[in-house]
Amino acid sequence: MNIADLVLLIKKELMVVGVAALPIFELRGSIPLGASFGLSIYKIYFLSVLGNLLPVAPLLLFFKLFFDKLEGMPIIGNFFSRWFRRVEKKSGLVEKWGFWGLVLLVAIPLPVTGAWTGTVAANLFELRIRRSFFAILIGVLIAGIIVSLVVKGIITTNIFIRSL
């Protein structure tokens, strides 16, 4: 392997981590991206989980400070206000079951679920930071397995659609 190949490989790995850290895409975007790059599913899973968890601790710790400032901005504030309302509607699981509801909210790889949404829900319901982080971690690990199995063709998305 020469230097150019190594740089290209590192660039692909950083892209997987970066996409996993983004809201909306998270694992649902990073795992298929890594597969399209030809990376091993184990490497993709590790990088995606790592990337998805990168923003969780800072968001849990500084949520109110960060989002209070953004809500005051005209366009961005409207986006976050709408997002928070959607999270409140979707997070009945968290309100009802606490820790395990948060795990489920994060673990189901559908739109408006995932680590970012779990972080918002944990803050909206004022769950403890440490417990919230572990619930989100477990949910991310489960979501990563589900998306990896779908990407590898071991399970199909029809299973999830029928169960809903």
N, C-alpha and C. Protein backbone atom coordinates (compact mmCIF):
# COMPACT_ATOMS: atom_id res chain seq x y z
N MET A 1 0.86 -1.17 0.00
CA MET A 1 0.00 0.00 0.00
C MET A 1 0.90 1.24 0.00
N ASN A 2 0.68 2.11 -0.97
CA ASN A 2 1.48 3.33 -1.02
C ASN A 2 0.78 4.45 -0.25
N ILE A 3 1.43 5.60 -0.19
CA ILE A 3 0.92 6.75 0.58
C ILE A 3 -0.43 7.22 0.03
N ALA A 4 -0.59 7.27 -1.28
CA ALA A 4 -1.85 7.73 -1.87
C ALA A 4 -3.00 6.81 -1.47
N ASP A 5 -2.78 5.50 -1.47
CA ASP A 5 -3.82 4.55 -1.05
C ASP A 5 -4.17 4.74 0.41
N LEU A 6 -3.16 4.97 1.25
CA LEU A 6 -3.39 5.17 2.68
C LEU A 6 -4.20 6.45 2.93
N VAL A 7 -3.87 7.52 2.23
CA VAL A 7 -4.60 8.79 2.37
C VAL A 7 -6.05 8.60 1.93
N LEU A 8 -6.27 7.90 0.83
CA LEU A 8 -7.62 7.64 0.34
C LEU A 8 -8.42 6.81 1.34
N LEU A 9 -7.78 5.81 1.93
CA LEU A 9 -8.45 4.96 2.92
C LEU A 9 -8.83 5.78 4.16
N ILE A 10 -7.90 6.59 4.65
CA ILE A 10 -8.18 7.42 5.83
C ILE A 10 -9.29 8.42 5.52
N LYS A 11 -9.28 8.96 4.31
CA LYS A 11 -10.31 9.91 3.91
C LYS A 11 -11.69 9.24 3.93
N LYS A 12 -11.78 8.01 3.43
CA LYS A 12 -13.04 7.27 3.43
C LYS A 12 -13.50 6.99 4.86
N GLU A 13 -12.57 6.59 5.71
CA GLU A 13 -12.92 6.30 7.10
C GLU A 13 -13.40 7.55 7.82
N LEU A 14 -12.75 8.68 7.58
CA LEU A 14 -13.19 9.94 8.21
C LEU A 14 -14.55 10.37 7.69
N MET A 15 -14.84 10.10 6.42
CA MET A 15 -16.16 10.43 5.88
C MET A 15 -17.24 9.60 6.58
N VAL A 16 -16.96 8.33 6.84
CA VAL A 16 -17.93 7.47 7.54
C VAL A 16 -18.18 8.03 8.94
N VAL A 17 -17.11 8.37 9.66
CA VAL A 17 -17.25 8.94 11.01
C VAL A 17 -18.03 10.26 10.95
N GLY A 18 -17.69 11.10 9.98
CA GLY A 18 -18.35 12.40 9.86
C GLY A 18 -19.83 12.30 9.57
N VAL A 19 -20.21 11.42 8.65
CA VAL A 19 -21.62 11.25 8.32
C VAL A 19 -22.38 10.68 9.53
N ALA A 20 -21.76 9.76 10.25
CA ALA A 20 -22.40 9.19 11.44
C ALA A 20 -22.64 10.25 12.51
N ALA A 21 -21.82 11.27 12.55
CA ALA A 21 -21.96 12.32 13.56
C ALA A 21 -23.02 13.35 13.20
N LEU A 22 -23.48 13.35 11.96
CA LEU A 22 -24.45 14.34 11.51
C LEU A 22 -25.88 13.97 11.93
N PRO A 23 -26.66 14.98 12.33
CA PRO A 23 -28.07 14.69 12.60
C PRO A 23 -28.75 14.27 11.29
N ILE A 24 -29.79 13.54 11.39
CA ILE A 24 -30.59 13.00 10.30
C ILE A 24 -29.92 11.78 9.67
N PHE A 25 -28.67 11.89 9.20
CA PHE A 25 -28.00 10.76 8.56
C PHE A 25 -27.60 9.69 9.57
N GLU A 26 -26.77 10.07 10.52
CA GLU A 26 -26.30 9.16 11.57
C GLU A 26 -25.89 7.81 11.00
N LEU A 27 -26.21 6.72 11.69
CA LEU A 27 -25.83 5.37 11.23
C LEU A 27 -26.53 4.98 9.94
N ARG A 28 -27.74 5.48 9.76
CA ARG A 28 -28.52 5.13 8.57
C ARG A 28 -27.82 5.60 7.30
N GLY A 29 -26.99 6.61 7.42
CA GLY A 29 -26.25 7.09 6.26
C GLY A 29 -24.82 6.60 6.21
N SER A 30 -24.18 6.48 7.37
CA SER A 30 -22.75 6.15 7.39
C SER A 30 -22.46 4.68 7.05
N ILE A 31 -23.34 3.78 7.46
CA ILE A 31 -23.08 2.36 7.19
C ILE A 31 -23.23 2.05 5.70
N PRO A 32 -24.30 2.50 5.03
CA PRO A 32 -24.33 2.29 3.58
C PRO A 32 -23.18 3.00 2.84
N LEU A 33 -22.80 4.18 3.32
CA LEU A 33 -21.67 4.89 2.72
C LEU A 33 -20.39 4.07 2.83
N GLY A 34 -20.10 3.57 4.02
CA GLY A 34 -18.91 2.75 4.21
C GLY A 34 -18.93 1.49 3.35
N ALA A 35 -20.12 0.89 3.20
CA ALA A 35 -20.24 -0.29 2.34
C ALA A 35 -19.96 0.07 0.89
N SER A 36 -20.42 1.25 0.47
CA SER A 36 -20.17 1.68 -0.91
C SER A 36 -18.68 1.93 -1.16
N PHE A 37 -17.94 2.23 -0.10
CA PHE A 37 -16.49 2.40 -0.22
C PHE A 37 -15.75 1.07 -0.22
N GLY A 38 -16.45 -0.01 0.09
CA GLY A 38 -15.81 -1.33 0.12
C GLY A 38 -15.10 -1.65 1.42
N LEU A 39 -15.38 -0.89 2.48
CA LEU A 39 -14.77 -1.17 3.78
C LEU A 39 -15.43 -2.41 4.39
N SER A 40 -14.74 -3.07 5.29
CA SER A 40 -15.33 -4.25 5.95
C SER A 40 -16.46 -3.80 6.86
N ILE A 41 -17.46 -4.65 7.01
CA ILE A 41 -18.64 -4.30 7.81
C ILE A 41 -18.26 -4.06 9.27
N TYR A 42 -17.23 -4.75 9.76
CA TYR A 42 -16.79 -4.56 11.14
C TYR A 42 -16.17 -3.18 11.33
N LYS A 43 -15.37 -2.77 10.36
CA LYS A 43 -14.76 -1.44 10.42
C LYS A 43 -15.84 -0.36 10.30
N ILE A 44 -16.77 -0.58 9.38
CA ILE A 44 -17.87 0.38 9.19
C ILE A 44 -18.67 0.52 10.48
N TYR A 45 -19.00 -0.60 11.10
CA TYR A 45 -19.79 -0.59 12.34
C TYR A 45 -19.06 0.21 13.42
N PHE A 46 -17.79 -0.11 13.63
CA PHE A 46 -16.99 0.58 14.66
C PHE A 46 -16.93 2.08 14.38
N LEU A 47 -16.59 2.46 13.15
CA LEU A 47 -16.47 3.88 12.80
C LEU A 47 -17.81 4.60 12.91
N SER A 48 -18.88 3.92 12.51
CA SER A 48 -20.21 4.54 12.57
C SER A 48 -20.68 4.75 14.01
N VAL A 49 -20.47 3.76 14.85
CA VAL A 49 -20.85 3.90 16.26
C VAL A 49 -20.02 5.02 16.90
N LEU A 50 -18.72 5.02 16.62
CA LEU A 50 -17.84 6.07 17.15
C LEU A 50 -18.33 7.45 16.71
N GLY A 51 -18.57 7.60 15.41
CA GLY A 51 -19.02 8.89 14.89
C GLY A 51 -20.37 9.30 15.43
N ASN A 52 -21.29 8.34 15.57
CA ASN A 52 -22.62 8.65 16.07
C ASN A 52 -22.59 9.08 17.53
N LEU A 53 -21.64 8.56 18.28
CA LEU A 53 -21.55 8.91 19.71
C LEU A 53 -20.76 10.19 19.97
N LEU A 54 -19.96 10.64 19.00
CA LEU A 54 -19.13 11.84 19.21
C LEU A 54 -19.91 13.06 19.71
N PRO A 55 -21.05 13.39 19.12
CA PRO A 55 -21.76 14.59 19.59
C PRO A 55 -22.62 14.37 20.84
N VAL A 56 -22.82 13.13 21.26
CA VAL A 56 -23.79 12.85 22.33
C VAL A 56 -23.40 13.49 23.66
N ALA A 57 -22.19 13.23 24.14
CA ALA A 57 -21.80 13.78 25.45
C ALA A 57 -21.83 15.30 25.47
N PRO A 58 -21.23 15.99 24.47
CA PRO A 58 -21.33 17.46 24.49
C PRO A 58 -22.77 17.96 24.42
N LEU A 59 -23.61 17.28 23.62
CA LEU A 59 -25.01 17.72 23.53
C LEU A 59 -25.75 17.50 24.84
N LEU A 60 -25.49 16.38 25.50
CA LEU A 60 -26.14 16.14 26.80
C LEU A 60 -25.68 17.16 27.84
N LEU A 61 -24.40 17.48 27.83
CA LEU A 61 -23.86 18.40 28.84
C LEU A 61 -24.24 19.86 28.58
N PHE A 62 -24.23 20.27 27.33
CA PHE A 62 -24.41 21.69 27.01
C PHE A 62 -25.66 21.98 26.20
N PHE A 63 -26.61 21.06 26.25
CA PHE A 63 -27.83 21.18 25.45
C PHE A 63 -28.52 22.52 25.63
N LYS A 64 -28.84 22.85 26.85
CA LYS A 64 -29.62 24.07 27.10
C LYS A 64 -28.86 25.32 26.64
N LEU A 65 -27.59 25.40 26.94
CA LEU A 65 -26.79 26.54 26.52
C LEU A 65 -26.73 26.63 25.00
N PHE A 66 -26.44 25.51 24.36
CA PHE A 66 -26.27 25.46 22.91
C PHE A 66 -27.57 25.80 22.19
N PHE A 67 -28.65 25.12 22.53
CA PHE A 67 -29.89 25.29 21.79
C PHE A 67 -30.64 26.56 22.18
N ASP A 68 -30.46 27.05 23.39
CA ASP A 68 -31.08 28.33 23.76
C ASP A 68 -30.54 29.44 22.88
N LYS A 69 -29.25 29.41 22.61
CA LYS A 69 -28.64 30.43 21.74
C LYS A 69 -29.12 30.28 20.30
N LEU A 70 -29.22 29.04 19.82
CA LEU A 70 -29.64 28.83 18.44
C LEU A 70 -31.12 29.14 18.23
N GLU A 71 -31.95 28.90 19.24
CA GLU A 71 -33.37 29.17 19.11
C GLU A 71 -33.66 30.66 18.92
N GLY A 72 -32.73 31.50 19.36
CA GLY A 72 -32.91 32.94 19.19
C GLY A 72 -32.61 33.42 17.79
N MET A 73 -32.02 32.59 16.95
CA MET A 73 -31.71 32.96 15.57
C MET A 73 -32.93 32.68 14.69
N PRO A 74 -33.26 33.60 13.79
CA PRO A 74 -34.51 33.49 13.02
C PRO A 74 -34.72 32.15 12.30
N ILE A 75 -33.96 31.79 11.35
CA ILE A 75 -34.20 30.58 10.55
C ILE A 75 -33.85 29.32 11.34
N ILE A 76 -32.70 29.32 11.97
CA ILE A 76 -32.24 28.16 12.73
C ILE A 76 -33.17 27.90 13.91
N GLY A 77 -33.60 28.95 14.57
CA GLY A 77 -34.50 28.81 15.71
C GLY A 77 -35.81 28.14 15.33
N ASN A 78 -36.36 28.52 14.17
CA ASN A 78 -37.59 27.89 13.69
C ASN A 78 -37.38 26.40 13.43
N PHE A 79 -36.26 26.06 12.82
CA PHE A 79 -35.94 24.65 12.55
C PHE A 79 -35.91 23.86 13.86
N PHE A 80 -35.19 24.38 14.87
CA PHE A 80 -35.07 23.66 16.14
C PHE A 80 -36.40 23.59 16.88
N SER A 81 -37.18 24.63 16.83
CA SER A 81 -38.49 24.61 17.49
C SER A 81 -39.37 23.52 16.89
N ARG A 82 -39.39 23.42 15.56
CA ARG A 82 -40.18 22.36 14.90
C ARG A 82 -39.64 20.99 15.24
N TRP A 83 -38.30 20.86 15.25
CA TRP A 83 -37.67 19.57 15.58
C TRP A 83 -38.05 19.15 17.00
N PHE A 84 -37.98 20.06 17.95
CA PHE A 84 -38.30 19.74 19.34
C PHE A 84 -39.75 19.29 19.47
N ARG A 85 -40.66 19.95 18.75
CA ARG A 85 -42.07 19.53 18.80
C ARG A 85 -42.23 18.11 18.24
N ARG A 86 -41.53 17.80 17.16
CA ARG A 86 -41.60 16.45 16.58
C ARG A 86 -41.01 15.42 17.54
N VAL A 87 -39.92 15.79 18.19
CA VAL A 87 -39.31 14.86 19.14
C VAL A 87 -40.27 14.61 20.30
N GLU A 88 -40.91 15.67 20.79
CA GLU A 88 -41.88 15.49 21.88
C GLU A 88 -43.00 14.53 21.49
N LYS A 89 -43.49 14.65 20.27
CA LYS A 89 -44.56 13.76 19.80
C LYS A 89 -44.07 12.31 19.69
N LYS A 90 -42.83 12.13 19.24
CA LYS A 90 -42.29 10.79 19.00
C LYS A 90 -41.74 10.14 20.26
N SER A 91 -41.58 10.88 21.33
CA SER A 91 -40.87 10.34 22.48
C SER A 91 -41.78 9.92 23.62
N GLY A 92 -42.97 9.46 23.28
CA GLY A 92 -43.86 8.90 24.29
C GLY A 92 -43.22 7.70 24.98
N LEU A 93 -42.40 6.95 24.23
CA LEU A 93 -41.67 5.82 24.82
C LEU A 93 -40.78 6.28 25.97
N VAL A 94 -40.12 7.40 25.77
CA VAL A 94 -39.20 7.91 26.79
C VAL A 94 -39.98 8.38 28.00
N GLU A 95 -41.07 9.06 27.75
CA GLU A 95 -41.89 9.56 28.85
C GLU A 95 -42.46 8.40 29.67
N LYS A 96 -42.88 7.33 28.97
CA LYS A 96 -43.50 6.20 29.64
C LYS A 96 -42.49 5.27 30.29
N TRP A 97 -41.41 4.94 29.59
CA TRP A 97 -40.48 3.90 30.06
C TRP A 97 -39.10 4.41 30.46
N GLY A 98 -38.86 5.70 30.38
CA GLY A 98 -37.59 6.26 30.83
C GLY A 98 -36.39 5.70 30.08
N PHE A 99 -35.48 5.07 30.82
CA PHE A 99 -34.22 4.54 30.27
C PHE A 99 -34.48 3.63 29.06
N TRP A 100 -35.33 2.62 29.22
CA TRP A 100 -35.56 1.65 28.14
C TRP A 100 -36.34 2.27 26.99
N GLY A 101 -37.17 3.23 27.27
CA GLY A 101 -37.84 3.96 26.19
C GLY A 101 -36.85 4.75 25.36
N LEU A 102 -35.86 5.33 26.03
CA LEU A 102 -34.81 6.07 25.32
C LEU A 102 -33.98 5.12 24.47
N VAL A 103 -33.66 3.94 25.02
CA VAL A 103 -32.93 2.93 24.24
C VAL A 103 -33.71 2.61 22.95
N LEU A 104 -35.01 2.36 23.08
CA LEU A 104 -35.83 2.01 21.91
C LEU A 104 -35.91 3.16 20.92
N LEU A 105 -36.08 4.38 21.41
CA LEU A 105 -36.16 5.55 20.53
C LEU A 105 -34.90 5.67 19.67
N VAL A 106 -33.77 5.41 20.25
CA VAL A 106 -32.49 5.52 19.54
C VAL A 106 -32.25 4.29 18.66
N ALA A 107 -32.66 3.12 19.12
CA ALA A 107 -32.33 1.86 18.44
C ALA A 107 -33.11 1.63 17.14
N ILE A 108 -34.28 2.21 17.03
CA ILE A 108 -35.09 1.98 15.82
C ILE A 108 -34.59 2.91 14.73
N PRO A 109 -33.98 2.34 13.67
CA PRO A 109 -33.37 3.19 12.64
C PRO A 109 -34.37 3.74 11.62
N LEU A 110 -35.21 4.64 12.08
CA LEU A 110 -36.20 5.30 11.22
C LEU A 110 -35.99 6.81 11.31
N PRO A 111 -36.60 7.57 10.38
CA PRO A 111 -36.48 9.03 10.48
C PRO A 111 -36.99 9.55 11.83
N VAL A 112 -36.38 10.58 12.31
CA VAL A 112 -36.68 11.23 13.59
C VAL A 112 -36.46 10.27 14.76
N THR A 113 -35.50 9.40 14.61
CA THR A 113 -35.01 8.59 15.73
C THR A 113 -33.49 8.65 15.65
N GLY A 114 -32.81 8.13 16.65
CA GLY A 114 -31.35 8.12 16.63
C GLY A 114 -30.76 8.88 17.81
N ALA A 115 -29.45 8.99 17.79
CA ALA A 115 -28.73 9.58 18.91
C ALA A 115 -29.06 11.06 19.12
N TRP A 116 -29.17 11.82 18.04
CA TRP A 116 -29.49 13.23 18.18
C TRP A 116 -30.89 13.40 18.78
N THR A 117 -31.85 12.68 18.26
CA THR A 117 -33.22 12.76 18.77
C THR A 117 -33.27 12.26 20.21
N GLY A 118 -32.53 11.20 20.51
CA GLY A 118 -32.46 10.69 21.88
C GLY A 118 -31.90 11.72 22.83
N THR A 119 -30.91 12.46 22.38
CA THR A 119 -30.31 13.51 23.21
C THR A 119 -31.33 14.61 23.50
N VAL A 120 -32.07 15.00 22.47
CA VAL A 120 -33.11 16.02 22.66
C VAL A 120 -34.17 15.51 23.63
N ALA A 121 -34.62 14.26 23.42
CA ALA A 121 -35.66 13.69 24.30
C ALA A 121 -35.16 13.61 25.74
N ALA A 122 -33.93 13.18 25.93
CA ALA A 122 -33.37 13.08 27.29
C ALA A 122 -33.37 14.44 27.98
N ASN A 123 -33.08 15.48 27.23
CA ASN A 123 -33.08 16.82 27.80
C ASN A 123 -34.50 17.34 28.02
N LEU A 124 -35.39 17.08 27.10
CA LEU A 124 -36.77 17.54 27.25
C LEU A 124 -37.43 16.92 28.49
N PHE A 125 -37.11 15.65 28.75
CA PHE A 125 -37.70 14.96 29.90
C PHE A 125 -36.80 14.99 31.12
N GLU A 126 -35.72 15.77 31.03
CA GLU A 126 -34.79 16.00 32.14
C GLU A 126 -34.29 14.71 32.78
N LEU A 127 -33.89 13.76 31.92
CA LEU A 127 -33.30 12.52 32.41
C LEU A 127 -31.86 12.79 32.82
N ARG A 128 -31.36 11.97 33.73
CA ARG A 128 -29.98 12.15 34.19
C ARG A 128 -28.99 11.91 33.04
N ILE A 129 -27.95 12.71 33.01
CA ILE A 129 -26.99 12.69 31.90
C ILE A 129 -26.30 11.34 31.75
N ARG A 130 -25.79 10.78 32.83
CA ARG A 130 -25.06 9.52 32.73
C ARG A 130 -25.96 8.38 32.25
N ARG A 131 -27.15 8.28 32.81
CA ARG A 131 -28.10 7.23 32.37
C ARG A 131 -28.52 7.46 30.93
N SER A 132 -28.71 8.71 30.56
CA SER A 132 -29.09 9.03 29.18
C SER A 132 -27.98 8.61 28.22
N PHE A 133 -26.73 8.89 28.58
CA PHE A 133 -25.62 8.51 27.70
C PHE A 133 -25.60 6.99 27.50
N PHE A 134 -25.75 6.22 28.58
CA PHE A 134 -25.72 4.77 28.44
C PHE A 134 -26.92 4.24 27.65
N ALA A 135 -28.09 4.84 27.83
CA ALA A 135 -29.26 4.44 27.04
C ALA A 135 -29.02 4.72 25.56
N ILE A 136 -28.48 5.89 25.26
CA ILE A 136 -28.18 6.25 23.87
C ILE A 136 -27.10 5.33 23.31
N LEU A 137 -26.09 5.02 24.09
CA LEU A 137 -25.04 4.09 23.66
C LEU A 137 -25.63 2.73 23.28
N ILE A 138 -26.47 2.18 24.14
CA ILE A 138 -27.09 0.88 23.86
C ILE A 138 -27.95 0.97 22.59
N GLY A 139 -28.71 2.05 22.48
CA GLY A 139 -29.55 2.24 21.30
C GLY A 139 -28.74 2.35 20.01
N VAL A 140 -27.62 3.08 20.07
CA VAL A 140 -26.75 3.22 18.90
C VAL A 140 -26.15 1.87 18.52
N LEU A 141 -25.72 1.09 19.50
CA LEU A 141 -25.16 -0.24 19.22
C LEU A 141 -26.20 -1.12 18.52
N ILE A 142 -27.44 -1.10 19.01
CA ILE A 142 -28.50 -1.90 18.41
C ILE A 142 -28.83 -1.40 17.00
N ALA A 143 -28.97 -0.08 16.84
CA ALA A 143 -29.28 0.49 15.53
C ALA A 143 -28.18 0.15 14.53
N GLY A 144 -26.92 0.19 14.98
CA GLY A 144 -25.80 -0.15 14.11
C GLY A 144 -25.87 -1.59 13.63
N ILE A 145 -26.26 -2.49 14.52
CA ILE A 145 -26.40 -3.90 14.14
C ILE A 145 -27.53 -4.04 13.12
N ILE A 146 -28.67 -3.40 13.39
CA ILE A 146 -29.82 -3.51 12.48
C ILE A 146 -29.46 -2.99 11.09
N VAL A 147 -28.89 -1.79 11.03
CA VAL A 147 -28.54 -1.20 9.73
C VAL A 147 -27.47 -2.04 9.03
N SER A 148 -26.51 -2.56 9.76
CA SER A 148 -25.48 -3.42 9.16
C SER A 148 -26.09 -4.68 8.56
N LEU A 149 -27.03 -5.28 9.27
CA LEU A 149 -27.70 -6.48 8.76
C LEU A 149 -28.52 -6.19 7.51
N VAL A 150 -29.15 -5.02 7.48
CA VAL A 150 -29.91 -4.62 6.29
C VAL A 150 -28.95 -4.38 5.11
N VAL A 151 -27.86 -3.67 5.36
CA VAL A 151 -26.88 -3.38 4.31
C VAL A 151 -26.27 -4.66 3.75
N LYS A 152 -26.02 -5.63 4.61
CA LYS A 152 -25.45 -6.91 4.17
C LYS A 152 -26.50 -7.81 3.52
N GLY A 153 -27.78 -7.42 3.57
CA GLY A 153 -28.84 -8.21 2.97
C GLY A 153 -29.30 -9.38 3.81
N ILE A 154 -28.89 -9.42 5.06
CA ILE A 154 -29.26 -10.53 5.95
C ILE A 154 -30.72 -10.38 6.39
N ILE A 155 -31.15 -9.15 6.63
CA ILE A 155 -32.56 -8.89 6.89
C ILE A 155 -33.02 -7.81 5.92
N THR A 156 -34.32 -7.76 5.67
CA THR A 156 -34.84 -6.76 4.75
C THR A 156 -35.63 -5.72 5.52
N THR A 157 -35.82 -4.59 4.89
CA THR A 157 -36.58 -3.52 5.54
C THR A 157 -38.04 -3.87 5.65
N ASN A 158 -38.53 -4.85 4.88
CA ASN A 158 -39.93 -5.27 4.97
C ASN A 158 -40.26 -5.77 6.37
N ILE A 159 -39.28 -6.37 7.05
CA ILE A 159 -39.51 -6.86 8.41
C ILE A 159 -39.93 -5.71 9.31
N PHE A 160 -39.26 -4.57 9.18
CA PHE A 160 -39.57 -3.42 10.03
C PHE A 160 -40.88 -2.77 9.64
N ILE A 161 -41.16 -2.70 8.35
CA ILE A 161 -42.38 -2.07 7.89
C ILE A 161 -43.60 -2.86 8.35
N ARG A 162 -43.54 -4.19 8.26
CA ARG A 162 -44.66 -5.02 8.69
C ARG A 162 -44.87 -4.95 10.19
N SER A 163 -43.79 -4.82 10.96
CA SER A 163 -43.91 -4.80 12.41
C SER A 163 -44.47 -3.48 12.93
N LEU A 164 -44.44 -2.44 12.11
CA LEU A 164 -44.97 -1.15 12.54
C LEU A 164 -46.44 -1.14 12.22
